[in-house]
PDB file of N, CA and C in Angstrom:
ATOM      1  N   MET A   1     115.422 111.980  93.746  1.00  0.00           N
ATOM      2  CA  MET A   1     114.746 111.985  92.461  1.00  0.00           C
ATOM      3  C   MET A   1     113.393 111.278  92.613  1.00  0.00           C
ATOM      4  N   ASN A   2     112.388 111.852  92.047  1.00  0.00           N
ATOM      5  CA  ASN A   2     111.038 111.301  92.169  1.00  0.00           C
ATOM      6  C   ASN A   2     110.787 110.168  91.172  1.00  0.00           C
ATOM      7  N   TYR A   3     109.874 109.292  91.548  1.00  0.00           N
ATOM      8  CA  TYR A   3     109.486 108.159  90.705  1.00  0.00           C
ATOM      9  C   TYR A   3     108.645 108.659  89.546  1.00  0.00           C
ATOM     10  N   ARG A   4     109.007 108.281  88.337  1.00  0.00           N
ATOM     11  CA  ARG A   4     108.273 108.644  87.135  1.00  0.00           C
ATOM     12  C   ARG A   4     107.855 107.388  86.385  1.00  0.00           C
ATOM     13  N   GLU A   5     106.601 107.338  85.988  1.00  0.00           N
ATOM     14  CA  GLU A   5     106.093 106.243  85.161  1.00  0.00           C
ATOM     15  C   GLU A   5     104.991 106.798  84.266  1.00  0.00           C
ATOM     16  N   PRO A   6     105.331 107.174  83.035  1.00  0.00           N
ATOM     17  CA  PRO A   6     104.348 107.757  82.115  1.00  0.00           C
ATOM     18  C   PRO A   6     103.112 106.892  81.895  1.00  0.00           C
ATOM     19  N   LYS A   7     103.262 105.559  81.990  1.00  0.00           N
ATOM     20  CA  LYS A   7     102.100 104.678  81.802  1.00  0.00           C
ATOM     21  C   LYS A   7     101.030 104.944  82.858  1.00  0.00           C
ATOM     22  N   LEU A   8     101.449 105.200  84.088  1.00  0.00           N
ATOM     23  CA  LEU A   8     100.472 105.485  85.150  1.00  0.00           C
ATOM     24  C   LEU A   8      99.660 106.735  84.819  1.00  0.00           C
ATOM     25  N   LEU A   9     100.286 107.716  84.223  1.00  0.00           N
ATOM     26  CA  LEU A   9      99.573 108.939  83.851  1.00  0.00           C
ATOM     27  C   LEU A   9      98.634 108.679  82.672  1.00  0.00           C
ATOM     28  N   LYS A  10      99.082 107.887  81.707  1.00  0.00           N
ATOM     29  CA  LYS A  10      98.249 107.594  80.527  1.00  0.00           C
ATOM     30  C   LYS A  10      97.024 106.755  80.859  1.00  0.00           C
ATOM     31  N   PHE A  11      97.096 105.951  81.915  1.00  0.00           N
ATOM     32  CA  PHE A  11      95.942 105.121  82.284  1.00  0.00           C
ATOM     33  C   PHE A  11      94.718 105.968  82.619  1.00  0.00           C
ATOM     34  N   ALA A  12      94.900 107.231  82.913  1.00  0.00           N
ATOM     35  CA  ALA A  12      93.765 108.121  83.186  1.00  0.00           C
ATOM     36  C   ALA A  12      92.808 108.157  82.000  1.00  0.00           C
ATOM     37  N   GLN A  13      93.329 107.941  80.805  1.00  0.00           N
ATOM     38  CA  GLN A  13      92.491 107.937  79.607  1.00  0.00           C
ATOM     39  C   GLN A  13      91.537 106.741  79.590  1.00  0.00           C
ATOM     40  N   ASP A  14      91.902 105.670  80.292  1.00  0.00           N
ATOM     41  CA  ASP A  14      91.141 104.420  80.232  1.00  0.00           C
ATOM     42  C   ASP A  14      90.047 104.289  81.282  1.00  0.00           C
ATOM     43  N   ILE A  15      90.143 105.044  82.359  1.00  0.00           N
ATOM     44  CA  ILE A  15      89.178 104.885  83.446  1.00  0.00           C
ATOM     45  C   ILE A  15      87.824 105.457  83.025  1.00  0.00           C
ATOM     46  N   ASP A  16      86.748 104.820  83.464  1.00  0.00           N
ATOM     47  CA  ASP A  16      85.403 105.224  83.049  1.00  0.00           C
ATOM     48  C   ASP A  16      84.950 106.554  83.636  1.00  0.00           C
ATOM     49  N   CYS A  17      85.397 106.827  84.874  1.00  0.00           N
ATOM     50  CA  CYS A  17      84.900 108.025  85.545  1.00  0.00           C
ATOM     51  C   CYS A  17      85.908 108.546  86.560  1.00  0.00           C
ATOM     52  N   CYS A  18      85.685 109.752  87.005  1.00  0.00           N
ATOM     53  CA  CYS A  18      86.478 110.369  88.065  1.00  0.00           C
ATOM     54  C   CYS A  18      86.306 109.540  89.335  1.00  0.00           C
ATOM     55  N   VAL A  19      87.415 109.228  90.016  1.00  0.00           N
ATOM     56  CA  VAL A  19      87.321 108.395  91.212  1.00  0.00           C
ATOM     57  C   VAL A  19      86.717 109.141  92.401  1.00  0.00           C
ATOM     58  N   LEU A  20      86.623 110.455  92.331  1.00  0.00           N
ATOM     59  CA  LEU A  20      86.058 111.216  93.443  1.00  0.00           C
ATOM     60  C   LEU A  20      84.581 111.534  93.260  1.00  0.00           C
ATOM     61  N   CYS A  21      84.219 112.161  92.158  1.00  0.00           N
ATOM     62  CA  CYS A  21      82.816 112.576  92.002  1.00  0.00           C
ATOM     63  C   CYS A  21      82.002 111.624  91.145  1.00  0.00           C
ATOM     64  N   GLY A  22      82.680 110.729  90.413  1.00  0.00           N
ATOM     65  CA  GLY A  22      81.978 109.752  89.588  1.00  0.00           C
ATOM     66  C   GLY A  22      81.529 110.270  88.234  1.00  0.00           C
ATOM     67  N   SER A  23      81.907 111.498  87.874  1.00  0.00           N
ATOM     68  CA  SER A  23      81.490 112.010  86.564  1.00  0.00           C
ATOM     69  C   SER A  23      82.181 111.223  85.458  1.00  0.00           C
ATOM     70  N   ARG A  24      81.447 111.012  84.401  1.00  0.00           N
ATOM     71  CA  ARG A  24      81.931 110.204  83.277  1.00  0.00           C
ATOM     72  C   ARG A  24      83.190 110.816  82.671  1.00  0.00           C
ATOM     73  N   ASN A  25      84.138 109.967  82.314  1.00  0.00           N
ATOM     74  CA  ASN A  25      85.373 110.420  81.679  1.00  0.00           C
ATOM     75  C   ASN A  25      85.096 110.748  80.219  1.00  0.00           C
ATOM     76  N   ARG A  26      85.133 112.015  79.917  1.00  0.00           N
ATOM     77  CA  ARG A  26      84.967 112.485  78.539  1.00  0.00           C
ATOM     78  C   ARG A  26      86.296 113.035  78.015  1.00  0.00           C
ATOM     79  N   GLY A  27      87.370 112.385  78.467  1.00  0.00           N
ATOM     80  CA  GLY A  27      88.707 112.823  78.088  1.00  0.00           C
ATOM     81  C   GLY A  27      89.269 113.876  79.025  1.00  0.00           C
ATOM     82  N   ASP A  28      88.543 114.165  80.120  1.00  0.00           N
ATOM     83  CA  ASP A  28      89.007 115.198  81.046  1.00  0.00           C
ATOM     84  C   ASP A  28      89.585 114.637  82.336  1.00  0.00           C
ATOM     85  N   VAL A  29      89.627 113.315  82.480  1.00  0.00           N
ATOM     86  CA  VAL A  29      90.211 112.721  83.686  1.00  0.00           C
ATOM     87  C   VAL A  29      91.731 112.660  83.504  1.00  0.00           C
ATOM     88  N   VAL A  30      92.431 113.126  84.527  1.00  0.00           N
ATOM     89  CA  VAL A  30      93.894 113.172  84.500  1.00  0.00           C
ATOM     90  C   VAL A  30      94.439 112.566  85.789  1.00  0.00           C
ATOM     91  N   GLY A  31      95.720 112.318  85.797  1.00  0.00           N
ATOM     92  CA  GLY A  31      96.396 111.851  87.003  1.00  0.00           C
ATOM     93  C   GLY A  31      96.863 113.049  87.803  1.00  0.00           C
ATOM     94  N   ALA A  32      96.210 113.304  88.930  1.00  0.00           N
ATOM     95  CA  ALA A  32      96.562 114.447  89.782  1.00  0.00           C
ATOM     96  C   ALA A  32      97.652 114.030  90.768  1.00  0.00           C
ATOM     97  N   HIS A  33      98.683 114.853  90.863  1.00  0.00           N
ATOM     98  CA  HIS A  33      99.809 114.612  91.766  1.00  0.00           C
ATOM     99  C   HIS A  33      99.580 115.273  93.119  1.00  0.00           C
ATOM    100  N   SER A  34     100.284 114.781  94.118  1.00  0.00           N
ATOM    101  CA  SER A  34     100.263 115.381  95.450  1.00  0.00           C
ATOM    102  C   SER A  34     100.922 116.757  95.411  1.00  0.00           C
ATOM    103  N   ASN A  35     100.477 117.628  96.282  1.00  0.00           N
ATOM    104  CA  ASN A  35     101.073 118.958  96.402  1.00  0.00           C
ATOM    105  C   ASN A  35     101.941 119.088  97.652  1.00  0.00           C
ATOM    106  N   HIS A  36     102.287 117.969  98.270  1.00  0.00           N
ATOM    107  CA  HIS A  36     103.042 118.011  99.522  1.00  0.00           C
ATOM    108  C   HIS A  36     104.539 117.847  99.304  1.00  0.00           C
ATOM    109  N   LEU A  37     105.305 118.657 100.019  1.00  0.00           N
ATOM    110  CA  LEU A  37     106.753 118.515  99.980  1.00  0.00           C
ATOM    111  C   LEU A  37     107.167 117.115 100.420  1.00  0.00           C
ATOM    112  N   SER A  38     106.457 116.571 101.392  1.00  0.00           N
ATOM    113  CA  SER A  38     106.787 115.233 101.905  1.00  0.00           C
ATOM    114  C   SER A  38     106.579 114.136 100.865  1.00  0.00           C
ATOM    115  N   ASP A  39     105.808 114.432  99.824  1.00  0.00           N
ATOM    116  CA  ASP A  39     105.580 113.463  98.740  1.00  0.00           C
ATOM    117  C   ASP A  39     106.484 113.731  97.538  1.00  0.00           C
ATOM    118  N   GLY A  40     107.434 114.635  97.698  1.00  0.00           N
ATOM    119  CA  GLY A  40     108.383 114.898  96.622  1.00  0.00           C
ATOM    120  C   GLY A  40     108.110 116.147  95.826  1.00  0.00           C
ATOM    121  N   LYS A  41     107.062 116.881  96.162  1.00  0.00           N
ATOM    122  CA  LYS A  41     106.748 118.127  95.450  1.00  0.00           C
ATOM    123  C   LYS A  41     107.825 119.154  95.763  1.00  0.00           C
ATOM    124  N   GLY A  42     108.221 119.901  94.753  1.00  0.00           N
ATOM    125  CA  GLY A  42     109.212 120.954  94.944  1.00  0.00           C
ATOM    126  C   GLY A  42     108.975 122.072  93.966  1.00  0.00           C
ATOM    127  N   LEU A  43     109.776 123.082  94.052  1.00  0.00           N
ATOM    128  CA  LEU A  43     109.665 124.216  93.146  1.00  0.00           C
ATOM    129  C   LEU A  43     109.865 123.731  91.716  1.00  0.00           C
ATOM    130  N   SER A  44     108.853 123.902  90.887  1.00  0.00           N
ATOM    131  CA  SER A  44     108.889 123.464  89.483  1.00  0.00           C
ATOM    132  C   SER A  44     109.083 121.959  89.348  1.00  0.00           C
ATOM    133  N   GLN A  45     108.708 121.188  90.344  1.00  0.00           N
ATOM    134  CA  GLN A  45     108.856 119.737  90.286  1.00  0.00           C
ATOM    135  C   GLN A  45     107.607 119.063  90.830  1.00  0.00           C
ATOM    136  N   LYS A  46     107.031 118.184  90.039  1.00  0.00           N
ATOM    137  CA  LYS A  46     105.881 117.410  90.486  1.00  0.00           C
ATOM    138  C   LYS A  46     106.342 116.324  91.453  1.00  0.00           C
ATOM    139  N   SER A  47     105.419 115.899  92.288  1.00  0.00           N
ATOM    140  CA  SER A  47     105.713 114.799  93.199  1.00  0.00           C
ATOM    141  C   SER A  47     105.749 113.488  92.422  1.00  0.00           C
ATOM    142  N   ASN A  48     105.917 112.398  93.125  1.00  0.00           N
ATOM    143  CA  ASN A  48     105.952 111.069  92.511  1.00  0.00           C
ATOM    144  C   ASN A  48     104.695 110.806  91.686  1.00  0.00           C
ATOM    145  N   ASP A  49     104.808 109.914  90.721  1.00  0.00           N
ATOM    146  CA  ASP A  49     103.683 109.585  89.849  1.00  0.00           C
ATOM    147  C   ASP A  49     102.712 108.585  90.479  1.00  0.00           C
ATOM    148  N   LEU A  50     102.464 108.695  91.758  1.00  0.00           N
ATOM    149  CA  LEU A  50     101.388 107.962  92.419  1.00  0.00           C
ATOM    150  C   LEU A  50     100.229 108.945  92.467  1.00  0.00           C
ATOM    151  N   VAL A  51      99.277 108.779  91.557  1.00  0.00           N
ATOM    152  CA  VAL A  51      98.299 109.823  91.267  1.00  0.00           C
ATOM    153  C   VAL A  51      96.866 109.379  91.542  1.00  0.00           C
ATOM    154  N   ALA A  52      95.983 110.379  91.589  1.00  0.00           N
ATOM    155  CA  ALA A  52      94.542 110.148  91.691  1.00  0.00           C
ATOM    156  C   ALA A  52      93.930 110.484  90.337  1.00  0.00           C
ATOM    157  N   TYR A  53      93.113 109.588  89.797  1.00  0.00           N
ATOM    158  CA  TYR A  53      92.474 109.818  88.500  1.00  0.00           C
ATOM    159  C   TYR A  53      91.190 110.613  88.710  1.00  0.00           C
ATOM    160  N   VAL A  54      91.276 111.902  88.447  1.00  0.00           N
ATOM    161  CA  VAL A  54      90.162 112.810  88.731  1.00  0.00           C
ATOM    162  C   VAL A  54      89.861 113.712  87.539  1.00  0.00           C
ATOM    163  N   CYS A  55      88.615 114.201  87.508  1.00  0.00           N
ATOM    164  CA  CYS A  55      88.201 115.153  86.481  1.00  0.00           C
ATOM    165  C   CYS A  55      88.806 116.522  86.780  1.00  0.00           C
ATOM    166  N   GLN A  56      88.692 117.440  85.846  1.00  0.00           N
ATOM    167  CA  GLN A  56      89.291 118.759  86.028  1.00  0.00           C
ATOM    168  C   GLN A  56      88.695 119.504  87.218  1.00  0.00           C
ATOM    169  N   THR A  57      87.392 119.370  87.434  1.00  0.00           N
ATOM    170  CA  THR A  57      86.760 120.055  88.571  1.00  0.00           C
ATOM    171  C   THR A  57      87.321 119.543  89.893  1.00  0.00           C
ATOM    172  N   CYS A  58      87.428 118.216  90.043  1.00  0.00           N
ATOM    173  CA  CYS A  58      87.985 117.646  91.271  1.00  0.00           C
ATOM    174  C   CYS A  58      89.471 117.973  91.403  1.00  0.00           C
ATOM    175  N   HIS A  59      90.180 117.999  90.280  1.00  0.00           N
ATOM    176  CA  HIS A  59      91.599 118.367  90.302  1.00  0.00           C
ATOM    177  C   HIS A  59      91.751 119.792  90.835  1.00  0.00           C
ATOM    178  N   ASP A  60      90.929 120.703  90.334  1.00  0.00           N
ATOM    179  CA  ASP A  60      90.959 122.084  90.828  1.00  0.00           C
ATOM    180  C   ASP A  60      90.636 122.139  92.312  1.00  0.00           C
ATOM    181  N   SER A  61      89.716 121.298  92.761  1.00  0.00           N
ATOM    182  CA  SER A  61      89.318 121.288  94.171  1.00  0.00           C
ATOM    183  C   SER A  61      90.435 120.787  95.073  1.00  0.00           C
ATOM    184  N   ILE A  62      91.081 119.691  94.703  1.00  0.00           N
ATOM    185  CA  ILE A  62      92.139 119.161  95.571  1.00  0.00           C
ATOM    186  C   ILE A  62      93.408 119.999  95.495  1.00  0.00           C
ATOM    187  N   ASP A  63      93.580 120.744  94.413  1.00  0.00           N
ATOM    188  CA  ASP A  63      94.723 121.653  94.308  1.00  0.00           C
ATOM    189  C   ASP A  63      94.435 123.019  94.930  1.00  0.00           C
ATOM    190  N   GLY A  64      93.182 123.250  95.335  1.00  0.00           N
ATOM    191  CA  GLY A  64      92.830 124.512  95.984  1.00  0.00           C
ATOM    192  C   GLY A  64      92.594 125.667  95.036  1.00  0.00           C
ATOM    193  N   ARG A  65      92.438 125.392  93.745  1.00  0.00           N
ATOM    194  CA  ARG A  65      92.253 126.473  92.770  1.00  0.00           C
ATOM    195  C   ARG A  65      90.854 127.061  92.772  1.00  0.00           C
ATOM    196  N   ASN A  66      89.865 126.308  93.263  1.00  0.00           N
ATOM    197  CA  ASN A  66      88.495 126.830  93.244  1.00  0.00           C
ATOM    198  C   ASN A  66      87.900 127.007  94.643  1.00  0.00           C
ATOM    199  N   ASN A  67      88.717 126.804  95.676  1.00  0.00           N
ATOM    200  CA  ASN A  67      88.279 126.981  97.070  1.00  0.00           C
ATOM    201  C   ASN A  67      87.052 126.151  97.436  1.00  0.00           C
ATOM    202  N   ALA A  68      86.846 125.032  96.754  1.00  0.00           N
ATOM    203  CA  ALA A  68      85.690 124.172  97.042  1.00  0.00           C
ATOM    204  C   ALA A  68      85.900 123.361  98.320  1.00  0.00           C
ATOM    205  N   PHE A  69      87.144 123.011  98.620  1.00  0.00           N
ATOM    206  CA  PHE A  69      87.448 122.188  99.791  1.00  0.00           C
ATOM    207  C   PHE A  69      88.352 122.962 100.744  1.00  0.00           C
ATOM    208  N   ASP A  70      88.166 122.735 102.045  1.00  0.00           N
ATOM    209  CA  ASP A  70      89.115 123.306 102.999  1.00  0.00           C
ATOM    210  C   ASP A  70      90.400 122.475 102.935  1.00  0.00           C
ATOM    211  N   PRO A  71      91.523 123.001 103.425  1.00  0.00           N
ATOM    212  CA  PRO A  71      92.812 122.314 103.272  1.00  0.00           C
ATOM    213  C   PRO A  71      92.836 120.876 103.793  1.00  0.00           C
ATOM    214  N   LEU A  72      92.218 120.611 104.920  1.00  0.00           N
ATOM    215  CA  LEU A  72      92.221 119.250 105.457  1.00  0.00           C
ATOM    216  C   LEU A  72      91.456 118.303 104.540  1.00  0.00           C
ATOM    217  N   TYR A  73      90.305 118.738 104.034  1.00  0.00           N
ATOM    218  CA  TYR A  73      89.525 117.886 103.147  1.00  0.00           C
ATOM    219  C   TYR A  73      90.231 117.705 101.808  1.00  0.00           C
ATOM    220  N   ARG A  74      90.977 118.699 101.341  1.00  0.00           N
ATOM    221  CA  ARG A  74      91.747 118.539 100.094  1.00  0.00           C
ATOM    222  C   ARG A  74      92.691 117.353 100.219  1.00  0.00           C
ATOM    223  N   ASP A  75      93.409 117.274 101.363  1.00  0.00           N
ATOM    224  CA  ASP A  75      94.330 116.153 101.574  1.00  0.00           C
ATOM    225  C   ASP A  75      93.584 114.829 101.607  1.00  0.00           C
ATOM    226  N   LEU A  76      92.501 114.785 102.350  1.00  0.00           N
ATOM    227  CA  LEU A  76      91.701 113.562 102.459  1.00  0.00           C
ATOM    228  C   LEU A  76      91.190 113.130 101.088  1.00  0.00           C
ATOM    229  N   ALA A  77      90.673 114.070 100.320  1.00  0.00           N
ATOM    230  CA  ALA A  77      90.141 113.759  98.989  1.00  0.00           C
ATOM    231  C   ALA A  77      91.243 113.240  98.064  1.00  0.00           C
ATOM    232  N   PHE A  78      92.419 113.870  98.117  1.00  0.00           N
ATOM    233  CA  PHE A  78      93.511 113.415  97.259  1.00  0.00           C
ATOM    234  C   PHE A  78      93.906 111.983  97.602  1.00  0.00           C
ATOM    235  N   TYR A  79      94.164 111.708  98.888  1.00  0.00           N
ATOM    236  CA  TYR A  79      94.613 110.365  99.260  1.00  0.00           C
ATOM    237  C   TYR A  79      93.528 109.313  99.061  1.00  0.00           C
ATOM    238  N   LYS A  80      92.276 109.690  99.247  1.00  0.00           N
ATOM    239  CA  LYS A  80      91.171 108.779  98.929  1.00  0.00           C
ATOM    240  C   LYS A  80      91.178 108.483  97.428  1.00  0.00           C
ATOM    241  N   GLY A  81      91.427 109.515  96.621  1.00  0.00           N
ATOM    242  CA  GLY A  81      91.498 109.337  95.168  1.00  0.00           C
ATOM    243  C   GLY A  81      92.636 108.431  94.751  1.00  0.00           C
ATOM    244  N   VAL A  82      93.781 108.566  95.397  1.00  0.00           N
ATOM    245  CA  VAL A  82      94.920 107.691  95.095  1.00  0.00           C
ATOM    246  C   VAL A  82      94.559 106.245  95.429  1.00  0.00           C
ATOM    247  N   TYR A  83      93.968 106.042  96.605  1.00  0.00           N
ATOM    248  CA  TYR A  83      93.572 104.692  97.019  1.00  0.00           C
ATOM    249  C   TYR A  83      92.627 104.073  95.987  1.00  0.00           C
ATOM    250  N   LYS A  84      91.596 104.814  95.612  1.00  0.00           N
ATOM    251  CA  LYS A  84      90.620 104.278  94.655  1.00  0.00           C
ATOM    252  C   LYS A  84      91.256 104.058  93.285  1.00  0.00           C
ATOM    253  N   SER A  85      92.201 104.897  92.920  1.00  0.00           N
ATOM    254  CA  SER A  85      92.891 104.732  91.637  1.00  0.00           C
ATOM    255  C   SER A  85      93.748 103.477  91.643  1.00  0.00           C
ATOM    256  N   VAL A  86      94.466 103.226  92.732  1.00  0.00           N
ATOM    257  CA  VAL A  86      95.303 102.027  92.829  1.00  0.00           C
ATOM    258  C   VAL A  86      94.436 100.773  92.818  1.00  0.00           C
ATOM    259  N   VAL A  87      93.315 100.801  93.519  1.00  0.00           N
ATOM    260  CA  VAL A  87      92.398  99.653  93.495  1.00  0.00           C
ATOM    261  C   VAL A  87      91.934  99.397  92.064  1.00  0.00           C
ATOM    262  N   TRP A  88      91.578 100.441  91.332  1.00  0.00           N
ATOM    263  CA  TRP A  88      91.155 100.292  89.935  1.00  0.00           C
ATOM    264  C   TRP A  88      92.287  99.702  89.093  1.00  0.00           C
ATOM    265  N   LEU A  89      93.512 100.192  89.284  1.00  0.00           N
ATOM    266  CA  LEU A  89      94.659  99.665  88.543  1.00  0.00           C
ATOM    267  C   LEU A  89      94.848  98.173  88.812  1.00  0.00           C
ATOM    268  N   LEU A  90      94.712  97.769  90.063  1.00  0.00           N
ATOM    269  CA  LEU A  90      94.860  96.353  90.424  1.00  0.00           C
ATOM    270  C   LEU A  90      93.731  95.506  89.847  1.00  0.00           C
ATOM    271  N   LYS A  91      92.488  95.978  89.991  1.00  0.00           N
ATOM    272  CA  LYS A  91      91.327  95.215  89.500  1.00  0.00           C
ATOM    273  C   LYS A  91      91.352  95.021  87.996  1.00  0.00           C
ATOM    274  N   THR A  92      91.870  96.000  87.275  1.00  0.00           N
ATOM    275  CA  THR A  92      91.866  95.924  85.815  1.00  0.00           C
ATOM    276  C   THR A  92      93.135  95.304  85.246  1.00  0.00           C
ATOM    277  N   GLY A  93      94.056  94.889  86.119  1.00  0.00           N
ATOM    278  CA  GLY A  93      95.279  94.246  85.659  1.00  0.00           C
ATOM    279  C   GLY A  93      96.319  95.195  85.109  1.00  0.00           C
ATOM    280  N   ARG A  94      96.121  96.486  85.281  1.00  0.00           N
ATOM    281  CA  ARG A  94      97.100  97.458  84.809  1.00  0.00           C
ATOM    282  C   ARG A  94      98.292  97.569  85.760  1.00  0.00           C
ATOM    283  N   LEU A  95      98.070  97.189  87.003  1.00  0.00           N
ATOM    284  CA  LEU A  95      99.123  97.138  88.004  1.00  0.00           C
ATOM    285  C   LEU A  95      99.128  95.718  88.558  1.00  0.00           C
ATOM    286  N   VAL A  96     100.263  95.058  88.427  1.00  0.00           N
ATOM    287  CA  VAL A  96     100.370  93.656  88.840  1.00  0.00           C
ATOM    288  C   VAL A  96     101.428  93.570  89.944  1.00  0.00           C
ATOM    289  N   VAL A  97     101.087  92.894  90.996  1.00  0.00           N
ATOM    290  CA  VAL A  97     102.005  92.697  92.107  1.00  0.00           C
ATOM    291  C   VAL A  97     102.852  91.471  91.817  1.00  0.00           C
ATOM    292  N   GLY A  98     104.158  91.611  91.979  1.00  0.00           N
ATOM    293  CA  GLY A  98     105.070  90.509  91.716  1.00  0.00           C
ATOM    294  C   GLY A  98     104.917  89.402  92.746  1.00  0.00           C
ATOM    295  N   LYS A  99     105.392  88.215  92.396  1.00  0.00           N
ATOM    296  CA  LYS A  99     105.266  87.064  93.276  1.00  0.00           C
ATOM    297  C   LYS A  99     106.605  86.682  93.885  1.00  0.00           C
ATOM    298  N   GLU A 100     107.537  87.602  93.932  1.00  0.00           N
ATOM    299  CA  GLU A 100     108.833  87.310  94.533  1.00  0.00           C
ATOM    300  C   GLU A 100     108.664  87.182  96.040  1.00  0.00           C
ATOM    301  N   PRO A 101     109.377  86.257  96.663  1.00  0.00           N
ATOM    302  CA  PRO A 101     109.260  86.106  98.120  1.00  0.00           C
ATOM    303  C   PRO A 101     109.786  87.350  98.832  1.00  0.00           C
ATOM    304  N   TYR A 102     109.130  87.707  99.923  1.00  0.00           N
ATOM    305  CA  TYR A 102     109.554  88.849 100.708  1.00  0.00           C
ATOM    306  C   TYR A 102     110.812  88.499 101.496  1.00  0.00           C
ATOM    307  N   GLY A 103     111.681  89.472 101.674  1.00  0.00           N
ATOM    308  CA  GLY A 103     112.853  89.318 102.524  1.00  0.00           C
ATOM    309  C   GLY A 103     114.001  88.551 101.911  1.00  0.00           C
ATOM    310  N   GLU A 104     113.933  88.257 100.657  1.00  0.00           N
ATOM    311  CA  GLU A 104     115.051  87.513 100.024  1.00  0.00           C
ATOM    312  C   GLU A 104     115.734  88.375  99.002  1.00  0.00           C
TER     313      GLU A 104
END
């Protein structure tokens, strides 16, 4: 079963711009999911809610709907977007790392 967290998807509304192209968020930035089976994608099933906050144009590009990126660059762009999205979540306090000791 894949990880679901609706709050992570809703945070797309709060980010100022697309993490890939930098275009201003005018309500079109969404949380884009991975398209890889290894990330939990399946027939009629989205992958885990570890997403990249991107505009519709970038979403179409990383999903291959507009043929803007070759397949290797689509993967790179998606994972770069996830990284930048997680950094934004951490910097803005929307994602907080627990202080529990490791290994206990």
